[in-house]
Amino acid sequence: MSLTRAPARRFDRRALGYALLFSLPMALGITVMMLKVVGGPLSRPLVFAPGAVVAACVFLLVAVAATGGEAE
């Protein structure tokens, strides 16, 4: 009886590239919108925090979705 290990799912460059491609423009847009709405400097947490949170969530969502799925 031979026990074989399933290949580990790892983040490859393509998955990380797609995650950055979708998360960074969205974060930039949200940060610029908050900059105009709040009217304060970029260093205020109310300006950059929503963009950072959305960027992290979208990055993780796309990265996990790109590494999972069916075996080819």
Protein backbone atom coordinates (compact mmCIF):
# COMPACT_ATOMS: atom_id res chain seq x y z
CA MET A 1 0.00 0.00 0.00
CA SER A 2 1.61 3.17 -1.21
CA LEU A 3 0.62 6.52 0.18
CA THR A 4 1.05 9.29 -2.34
CA ARG A 5 0.79 12.89 -1.41
CA ALA A 6 -1.35 15.27 -3.37
CA PRO A 7 0.55 18.18 -4.88
CA ALA A 8 0.51 21.24 -2.65
CA ARG A 9 -1.47 24.18 -3.90
CA ARG A 10 0.84 27.15 -4.05
CA PHE A 11 0.55 30.66 -5.30
CA ASP A 12 2.21 30.88 -8.67
CA ARG A 13 3.26 34.03 -10.47
CA ARG A 14 0.22 34.07 -12.71
CA ALA A 15 -2.19 33.94 -9.77
CA LEU A 16 -0.34 36.72 -7.95
CA GLY A 17 -0.21 38.80 -11.12
CA TYR A 18 -3.96 38.53 -11.64
CA ALA A 19 -4.57 39.32 -7.98
CA LEU A 20 -2.51 42.50 -8.27
CA LEU A 21 -4.10 43.38 -11.61
CA PHE A 22 -7.57 43.37 -10.09
CA SER A 23 -6.85 44.73 -6.61
CA LEU A 24 -4.54 47.70 -7.17
CA PRO A 25 -6.68 49.76 -9.60
CA MET A 26 -9.71 49.25 -7.38
CA ALA A 27 -7.78 50.39 -4.30
CA LEU A 28 -6.45 53.42 -6.13
CA GLY A 29 -9.93 54.41 -7.29
CA ILE A 30 -11.42 54.07 -3.82
CA THR A 31 -8.57 56.03 -2.27
CA VAL A 32 -8.93 58.89 -4.78
CA MET A 33 -12.70 58.95 -4.21
CA MET A 34 -12.22 59.10 -0.45
CA LEU A 35 -9.62 61.83 -0.90
CA LYS A 36 -12.20 63.96 -2.71
CA VAL A 37 -15.05 63.12 -0.31
CA VAL A 38 -13.13 63.70 2.93
CA GLY A 39 -11.11 66.60 1.59
CA GLY A 40 -8.17 65.83 3.83
CA PRO A 41 -4.60 64.74 3.22
CA LEU A 42 -3.72 61.24 2.06
CA SER A 43 -2.21 60.46 5.47
CA ARG A 44 -5.61 60.42 7.23
CA PRO A 45 -6.80 56.88 7.99
CA LEU A 46 -10.29 57.68 6.72
CA VAL A 47 -8.78 58.34 3.29
CA PHE A 48 -6.43 55.41 2.75
CA ALA A 49 -7.95 52.70 4.97
CA PRO A 50 -10.98 51.82 2.78
CA GLY A 51 -8.74 51.43 -0.27
CA ALA A 52 -6.27 49.27 1.65
CA VAL A 53 -9.01 47.03 3.06
CA VAL A 54 -10.66 46.52 -0.33
CA ALA A 55 -7.28 45.86 -1.97
CA ALA A 56 -6.44 43.19 0.59
CA CYS A 57 -9.85 41.51 0.28
CA VAL A 58 -9.84 41.47 -3.52
CA PHE A 59 -6.22 40.30 -3.61
CA LEU A 60 -6.96 37.36 -1.32
CA LEU A 61 -10.16 36.49 -3.14
CA VAL A 62 -8.50 36.41 -6.56
CA ALA A 63 -5.34 34.67 -5.33
CA VAL A 64 -7.27 31.91 -3.58
CA ALA A 65 -9.65 31.49 -6.53
CA ALA A 66 -6.74 31.27 -8.97
CA THR A 67 -4.88 28.61 -7.00
CA GLY A 68 -7.90 26.43 -6.24
CA GLY A 69 -10.15 24.69 -8.66
CA GLU A 70 -10.07 21.50 -10.67
CA ALA A 71 -6.98 19.53 -11.52
CA GLU A 72 -6.03 19.66 -15.18
